[in-house]
Amino acid sequence: MTGDGVHNQVGGQARVEQLVQAHTVHVHQYGGGAPPGRTVRQLPAERGPFVDRDRERALLRAAVARRADGAGPGVERPLIGGVSGLRGIGKTTLCVRLAHELADPHYPDGTCYADLDAFRSGNGVVLSDVLAELLDQLDDRSERGAADLRSLHGRYARHTAGRRLIVVLDNVRYEEELETLLPASAHSLVVVTGDRRLTGPDRGEGVVELPLEPLEERHAAELLRQLLKRDDARLADEAAVRDLLRICEGLPPLVKVAAGLLNRHPHSRLARLVERVRAEAEREGTAAMESLFAAAGREAGPDALLLFRLLAWYPAGHFPLQAAVAVLGRGEDAAADAVDDLVELGLLADREDGRLQLHGLMRGHARRLAERDGTAREASAAQARLIRWFRRQAERADRLNGAARLRCGKPLQEPRYAPDVEWPDGAAALRWLHEERDALYGCVALAHARGDDTDVWALCEPLWLHFKEHPRHGEASAAFALGVESAGRSGHWRALIRMRCMLAQALWEQGRIERAERELADAGRAAGQLGEDRDDRLLLASVREFQGNLCAARGDGWGALAAYEASRAVHLAIGNGYGVLLQTHLMGKAAAGLGEWERAAVLLEEAHARARELDRERMVGRTAHELARARRMLGDGGRAAELYALALENAGRRGADQERITILAALAELAEEAGDSGSAAGYRRALRELQSGES
C-alpha cells in the first residue's frame, strides 16, 4: 500500500462513471451514534494450525485497549491495524485470527470482511461493489436503486456510525481504497492486509503498523510439528529440520507442502527429502522452493497433477468439490481422489466450510506447470466443461426461485461428467449463487473470451436473480455488457433485448441514465418488431416495465404510470395473471408517488385482491403494505392498521426483516396519530428489538 498521489480505482471495462477520486468522496460522519443494528458475523473460518505472531497480536490488543480507554471527542477515525508483508507470509490468517480474538467484548456489533482482489480488474477496484458487499453483510437492503458511489458511501456511513465493528479489508493496494471503505465510527477497528505498509500523510496514532517477517526457525518448526500426522521422531534430526525450513523460507504454505511430503513418506529420512530438493534445484537451475513444489507434484497421481494444472485458470479463489469434478471431467471418484492427493500434499487447502482453496503461491506454480506440461486442448476442454456446469446449476437455481420467470435460454441437461448440486429449497439455491458469484461472473468473462456466445448470455440470465438480491453494479454491468455483445454476435434477438434491459437497470441504478436510455430505446425498437406468439408478447411487456422503472428512477412518475399501463395491457391480452398483478401494483405505487392517493388506493386494492387470488404470498404482503400507506393518506386509519398488521405477519413468515422494520415504524406513527401512546410504545420496542437482532 502506498500513499504517493491520488489513484483512481476502476473495475471491469474502464469508464468515467466508476472512477473513484479519493480527495472528493469522503463524507464520513465520525461523531454521534446510530440506532443499534443486527450483530453481523462475516469472517472466514480459521484454517489449520496457527503459530507465533505474538508480538503483532500484543501490539494491536494494546492499541485496542488504549482506544477503549481514551476514545473521547478528540478521536475522529476508527483504529486501523495494517498487516503487511510478502505473499504467502500469513497476512490473511493473522487478520482473521485477530478479528476473531478481538470481536468480543471489544466490538460487539460484529465483523465484516471483504477481499478486494475479488473486486479488482487490473490495478483497479470497483469500490461501489465493495461497499455494496459490506452493506449486504450489514443487512442493509432498504435503499435499492441508489447505487452510485456517493450514495453507497453515504449509506455505509449511516449504517456504521457509532457502531463497534471490526472490518477486515484483505488485499488493499492503495490508500484511497482504504479511505473510502473506513466505517464512520471512531469506536470501530479496521484490519487491513497489503503487500506494503500504510504510508499516507494522515497516518499517526490511529494506525498500528504490523509488518510481518517470515516465521523464525523455531516457529516454523512448531508449525511443521503440528502439521505432521503423528509425533515424528525424524524431527530429532535438528540439522535436517533446519535445512528443510531454510528451503521453506519461513512461509507457512511451503511448510505445509514439506509436511505433506513427510506425511506421504513416514519411513523416509528427512535428510533424504532435503537432498532430493537441493539436487533438483541445482540440476534445473531453479529456486529451492520451486523444487519443493516440484517434489510434491511428483508425488501426486496423474489425475491430481492434471487437476492442479487446470486449476491455474479457475476464475475464483475457492471452489466446491463438484466444480473440481467438472474441471477434471473424469467422474466423482477420480476427482475426489485427486483432491485428497492435493490436500494431503499441501498443494490445496481444505476449508472448514467444505470448500477448497488454491493459495496464490500454489496458483503461481500451477500456472508454470500448465505452461510447461499442459496443452491448450486440455485447458479448453476443461473450461468448456466448467462454464456449462456452472450455467446448468445457475439455471436450476433460477428456476427454483421463479419457475414462470421470462427466460430466453433453453436449459441445459445434467452433464455426464459432473453431478448437479442439491438444494432443499429456493433460499438455499440463492445462497449458493452468492457463494459462487466470483466463479459465475468469471465464467461469463471466460466464455466471452472463448467466443462461446450462447453460454455468455445464458449465464447472464440467472445472474439477474443474484443481481436483484445482491447488487454488485460494477461487476453486473460489465457482465451484462458482454451479454449484449454476445447475444448480438450470435444473432439471438430475444436474448439481445433481454440483455439490453438488464444492462440498462444496472446502469441507471449507478446514475448512468443516458446510457441506460440508449439501451432501452434499442430494446424497445427491437421489441416492436417481434411477432405475436406468447413469448414475444411477454418480452414486449417486460421491455415496457423496464421503461417504466427507468422513468420512475429519473422522477418521471407520469411516464412510469403510462409504461406500466402499456405493459399491463399486454399481459391482459395474453392472459398472464401474474403479469397483470405485478403491473397493477407498480401502477399503484407510481400513482402514490404522484400524490394521486384515490387512484393509488383503487389500483392497490385490485393488486391485493389478485395477489390473494393467485396465492402469491410475497405479493400479498407487499400490496398490503403499499395499500396501507394509501389508506392512511386518505384518512382511513382503521383500514390502514389492519393492512399493516397483515403485512407485518406476512413479512415475519418470510423472514423479511427490513420490511418488518419499515412496517413497525409506520404502525408506531399510526398509533401515535390515533392517540394510542401505549401501542405506539409497544411497536417501537419491537422495532428496537428487531434492529438489535433480539427477535
Foldseek 3Di string as FASTA:
>chain_A
DDADDWDWFDFFPDDDLQTDTLVPQDDFAADDAAQAFAQFEAFFDQADDDFDPVVVLVLVVVLLVVCVVDVDPVQFFAFEEEEAADALQCQSNVVSVSCVVCCPPLAVSYEEEDEQVLQHDDHHGRLLLVLLRRCVRSVDPPDPLQRALNSSLVVQNNSQHRHAYEYEYEADEYPSSVSSPTHNYRSYYYYYYYHDWYDHPPDDSSYHYHYDAADDLVRLLVSLCRLAPDRAPLVVPVVLSSLQVVLVRRRVLLSNLLNLVCNVPVPDHSNVLSVQLVVVCVVVVHRSSLSSVVVLLVQADPLLLLLLLLCLVQQDFKAALLLSLLLSLPASVSSVSSVVSCCSSSQWGQGPVRIIGGRPVSSVSSPVCCVVPNDPVSNVNSLVSNLLLLLLLLVVLLCLVPVPDQDDDDHDDADPRGGHDDDPGSVRSLVVCVVCVSSLLSSLVVCLVVLVLSSLLSSLVSVLVNCVVRPSLSSNLSSLVSNLVSCVVVVPLLSNLVSLLSNLSSCVSNVNLVSSVVSLVVSQVSLVPDDDDPSSLLSNLVSLQSQLVSCVSVPNLVSNLVSLVVSLVSCVVVVPLVSVLVSLQSNLVSCVVVVVLVSSLVSLVVSLVSCVVVVPLVSVLVSLQSNLVSCVVVVNLVSSLVSLVSNLVSCVVVVVLVSNLVSLCVNLVSCVVVVNNVVSVVSVVVNSCSRHVND
